[in-house]
Amino acid sequence: MLVLSRKPGEKILIGDKISITVVRIGPGIVRIGVEAPGDLLILREELAGGNELSSDPADAEASLIIPSNPKNP
């Protein structure tokens, strides 16, 4: 596992098409934003059910990270 330190507003790039931005750091929580191609499914680990994806479309929709306006994260 690669472990990196970032400050709010700083990004981590994965390949040419994926970036992860630290949006906000608070007590006990880090808010991140993910920019990726629309055909790439992004899930929180607890919804992925280990190696199997949830068959409930509501779970997948609730876990997608949708890019937000940088001025209003």
N, C-alpha and C. Protein backbone atom coordinates (compact mmCIF):
# COMPACT_ATOMS: atom_id res chain seq x y z
N MET A 1 0.85 -1.17 0.00
CA MET A 1 0.00 0.00 0.00
C MET A 1 0.89 1.24 0.00
N LEU A 2 0.57 2.17 -0.85
CA LEU A 2 1.25 3.46 -0.88
C LEU A 2 0.51 4.41 0.04
N VAL A 3 1.21 5.05 0.96
CA VAL A 3 0.59 5.99 1.89
C VAL A 3 1.18 7.37 1.62
N LEU A 4 0.32 8.34 1.35
CA LEU A 4 0.75 9.70 1.04
C LEU A 4 0.10 10.69 2.00
N SER A 5 0.78 11.78 2.25
CA SER A 5 0.20 12.87 3.04
C SER A 5 -0.22 13.97 2.08
N ARG A 6 -1.40 14.53 2.31
CA ARG A 6 -1.92 15.60 1.47
C ARG A 6 -2.62 16.62 2.35
N LYS A 7 -2.68 17.85 1.91
CA LYS A 7 -3.41 18.91 2.59
C LYS A 7 -4.68 19.19 1.80
N PRO A 8 -5.67 19.83 2.41
CA PRO A 8 -6.89 20.16 1.67
C PRO A 8 -6.56 20.91 0.38
N GLY A 9 -7.21 20.48 -0.68
CA GLY A 9 -7.00 21.08 -2.00
C GLY A 9 -5.94 20.37 -2.83
N GLU A 10 -5.11 19.55 -2.20
CA GLU A 10 -4.07 18.83 -2.93
C GLU A 10 -4.64 17.54 -3.51
N LYS A 11 -4.05 17.09 -4.62
CA LYS A 11 -4.55 15.93 -5.35
C LYS A 11 -3.54 14.80 -5.38
N ILE A 12 -4.08 13.61 -5.62
CA ILE A 12 -3.29 12.42 -5.94
C ILE A 12 -3.78 11.98 -7.32
N LEU A 13 -2.88 11.75 -8.24
CA LEU A 13 -3.23 11.33 -9.59
C LEU A 13 -3.00 9.85 -9.76
N ILE A 14 -3.97 9.17 -10.37
CA ILE A 14 -3.86 7.74 -10.67
C ILE A 14 -4.01 7.61 -12.18
N GLY A 15 -2.91 7.31 -12.83
CA GLY A 15 -2.94 7.25 -14.29
C GLY A 15 -3.25 8.62 -14.87
N ASP A 16 -3.83 8.60 -16.08
CA ASP A 16 -4.14 9.85 -16.78
C ASP A 16 -5.56 10.33 -16.55
N LYS A 17 -6.42 9.47 -15.98
CA LYS A 17 -7.84 9.79 -15.96
C LYS A 17 -8.48 9.84 -14.58
N ILE A 18 -7.74 9.58 -13.53
CA ILE A 18 -8.32 9.55 -12.19
C ILE A 18 -7.53 10.46 -11.27
N SER A 19 -8.26 11.33 -10.54
CA SER A 19 -7.60 12.15 -9.52
C SER A 19 -8.44 12.12 -8.25
N ILE A 20 -7.74 12.14 -7.13
CA ILE A 20 -8.37 12.15 -5.81
C ILE A 20 -7.93 13.44 -5.14
N THR A 21 -8.91 14.22 -4.67
CA THR A 21 -8.63 15.50 -4.04
C THR A 21 -9.08 15.47 -2.59
N VAL A 22 -8.23 15.94 -1.69
CA VAL A 22 -8.62 16.11 -0.29
C VAL A 22 -9.46 17.38 -0.24
N VAL A 23 -10.74 17.24 0.06
CA VAL A 23 -11.65 18.38 0.06
C VAL A 23 -11.65 19.06 1.42
N ARG A 24 -11.73 18.26 2.49
CA ARG A 24 -11.82 18.83 3.83
C ARG A 24 -11.30 17.82 4.84
N ILE A 25 -10.63 18.31 5.88
CA ILE A 25 -10.18 17.46 6.97
C ILE A 25 -10.83 17.99 8.25
N GLY A 26 -11.50 17.09 8.97
CA GLY A 26 -12.15 17.49 10.22
C GLY A 26 -11.83 16.48 11.29
N PRO A 27 -12.34 16.69 12.49
CA PRO A 27 -12.07 15.75 13.59
C PRO A 27 -12.62 14.36 13.26
N GLY A 28 -11.75 13.42 13.06
CA GLY A 28 -12.15 12.04 12.83
C GLY A 28 -12.67 11.74 11.44
N ILE A 29 -12.56 12.67 10.48
CA ILE A 29 -13.09 12.42 9.14
C ILE A 29 -12.29 13.19 8.09
N VAL A 30 -12.13 12.58 6.95
CA VAL A 30 -11.51 13.22 5.80
C VAL A 30 -12.50 13.15 4.65
N ARG A 31 -12.79 14.27 4.02
CA ARG A 31 -13.72 14.29 2.88
C ARG A 31 -12.87 14.36 1.62
N ILE A 32 -13.10 13.41 0.71
CA ILE A 32 -12.33 13.37 -0.52
C ILE A 32 -13.27 13.46 -1.72
N GLY A 33 -12.72 13.91 -2.82
CA GLY A 33 -13.44 13.94 -4.08
C GLY A 33 -12.68 13.11 -5.10
N VAL A 34 -13.40 12.40 -5.94
CA VAL A 34 -12.79 11.57 -6.96
C VAL A 34 -13.28 12.02 -8.32
N GLU A 35 -12.36 12.30 -9.22
CA GLU A 35 -12.70 12.59 -10.61
C GLU A 35 -12.23 11.39 -11.42
N ALA A 36 -13.17 10.77 -12.15
CA ALA A 36 -12.86 9.57 -12.92
C ALA A 36 -13.84 9.49 -14.09
N PRO A 37 -13.52 8.66 -15.07
CA PRO A 37 -14.45 8.47 -16.19
C PRO A 37 -15.81 8.00 -15.69
N GLY A 38 -16.87 8.41 -16.37
CA GLY A 38 -18.23 8.09 -15.96
C GLY A 38 -18.55 6.61 -15.96
N ASP A 39 -17.82 5.83 -16.73
CA ASP A 39 -18.11 4.39 -16.79
C ASP A 39 -17.40 3.59 -15.70
N LEU A 40 -16.67 4.29 -14.82
CA LEU A 40 -15.96 3.63 -13.74
C LEU A 40 -16.81 3.69 -12.48
N LEU A 41 -17.19 2.54 -11.94
CA LEU A 41 -18.00 2.47 -10.74
C LEU A 41 -17.12 2.73 -9.52
N ILE A 42 -17.54 3.66 -8.67
CA ILE A 42 -16.80 4.00 -7.46
C ILE A 42 -17.70 3.68 -6.28
N LEU A 43 -17.24 2.76 -5.41
CA LEU A 43 -18.03 2.32 -4.27
C LEU A 43 -17.27 2.51 -2.97
N ARG A 44 -18.01 2.80 -1.91
CA ARG A 44 -17.42 2.70 -0.58
C ARG A 44 -17.23 1.22 -0.28
N GLU A 45 -16.17 0.87 0.41
CA GLU A 45 -15.82 -0.53 0.64
C GLU A 45 -16.96 -1.31 1.28
N GLU A 46 -17.66 -0.72 2.24
CA GLU A 46 -18.71 -1.46 2.94
C GLU A 46 -19.88 -1.81 2.02
N LEU A 47 -20.04 -1.11 0.92
CA LEU A 47 -21.12 -1.43 -0.02
C LEU A 47 -20.69 -2.45 -1.06
N ALA A 48 -19.40 -2.65 -1.22
CA ALA A 48 -18.90 -3.60 -2.20
C ALA A 48 -19.05 -5.03 -1.70
N GLY A 49 -19.21 -5.23 -0.40
CA GLY A 49 -19.41 -6.57 0.15
C GLY A 49 -18.21 -7.48 -0.09
N GLY A 50 -17.04 -6.98 0.19
CA GLY A 50 -15.83 -7.79 -0.03
C GLY A 50 -15.48 -7.78 -1.50
N ASN A 51 -15.47 -8.95 -2.12
CA ASN A 51 -15.14 -9.05 -3.54
C ASN A 51 -16.36 -9.01 -4.43
N GLU A 52 -17.56 -9.07 -3.84
CA GLU A 52 -18.77 -9.09 -4.63
C GLU A 52 -19.47 -7.74 -4.53
N LEU A 53 -19.90 -7.20 -5.66
CA LEU A 53 -20.63 -5.95 -5.66
C LEU A 53 -22.07 -6.20 -5.24
N SER A 54 -22.67 -5.22 -4.59
CA SER A 54 -24.06 -5.32 -4.19
C SER A 54 -24.94 -5.38 -5.43
N SER A 55 -25.99 -6.18 -5.38
CA SER A 55 -26.89 -6.28 -6.52
C SER A 55 -28.00 -5.22 -6.43
N ASP A 56 -28.04 -4.46 -5.35
CA ASP A 56 -29.05 -3.43 -5.18
C ASP A 56 -28.59 -2.13 -5.83
N PRO A 57 -29.25 -1.69 -6.92
CA PRO A 57 -28.83 -0.47 -7.60
C PRO A 57 -28.85 0.76 -6.70
N ALA A 58 -29.71 0.77 -5.69
CA ALA A 58 -29.76 1.91 -4.77
C ALA A 58 -28.44 2.03 -4.01
N ASP A 59 -27.82 0.90 -3.65
CA ASP A 59 -26.53 0.94 -2.97
C ASP A 59 -25.47 1.58 -3.86
N ALA A 60 -25.45 1.18 -5.10
CA ALA A 60 -24.44 1.71 -6.03
C ALA A 60 -24.65 3.21 -6.24
N GLU A 61 -25.89 3.64 -6.41
CA GLU A 61 -26.16 5.05 -6.63
C GLU A 61 -25.78 5.87 -5.41
N ALA A 62 -26.04 5.35 -4.22
CA ALA A 62 -25.74 6.09 -2.99
C ALA A 62 -24.25 6.23 -2.77
N SER A 63 -23.45 5.38 -3.38
CA SER A 63 -22.02 5.41 -3.11
C SER A 63 -21.22 6.09 -4.21
N LEU A 64 -21.85 6.43 -5.32
CA LEU A 64 -21.12 7.11 -6.37
C LEU A 64 -20.69 8.48 -5.90
N ILE A 65 -19.49 8.86 -6.23
CA ILE A 65 -18.99 10.17 -5.86
C ILE A 65 -19.15 11.05 -7.08
N ILE A 66 -20.00 12.04 -6.98
CA ILE A 66 -20.29 12.92 -8.10
C ILE A 66 -19.49 14.19 -7.91
N PRO A 67 -18.73 14.60 -8.96
CA PRO A 67 -17.93 15.82 -8.82
C PRO A 67 -18.81 17.00 -8.41
N SER A 68 -18.31 17.79 -7.48
CA SER A 68 -19.07 18.94 -7.01
C SER A 68 -18.39 20.22 -7.43
N ASN A 69 -19.08 21.30 -7.27
CA ASN A 69 -18.52 22.61 -7.55
C ASN A 69 -17.43 22.87 -6.51
N PRO A 70 -16.19 23.14 -6.95
CA PRO A 70 -15.10 23.34 -5.99
C PRO A 70 -15.37 24.44 -4.99
N LYS A 71 -16.25 25.40 -5.33
CA LYS A 71 -16.55 26.48 -4.40
C LYS A 71 -17.60 26.07 -3.38
N ASN A 72 -18.28 24.91 -3.63
CA ASN A 72 -19.34 24.45 -2.74
C ASN A 72 -19.23 22.93 -2.59
N PRO A 73 -18.18 22.41 -1.90
CA PRO A 73 -17.98 20.95 -1.82
C PRO A 73 -19.05 20.23 -1.04
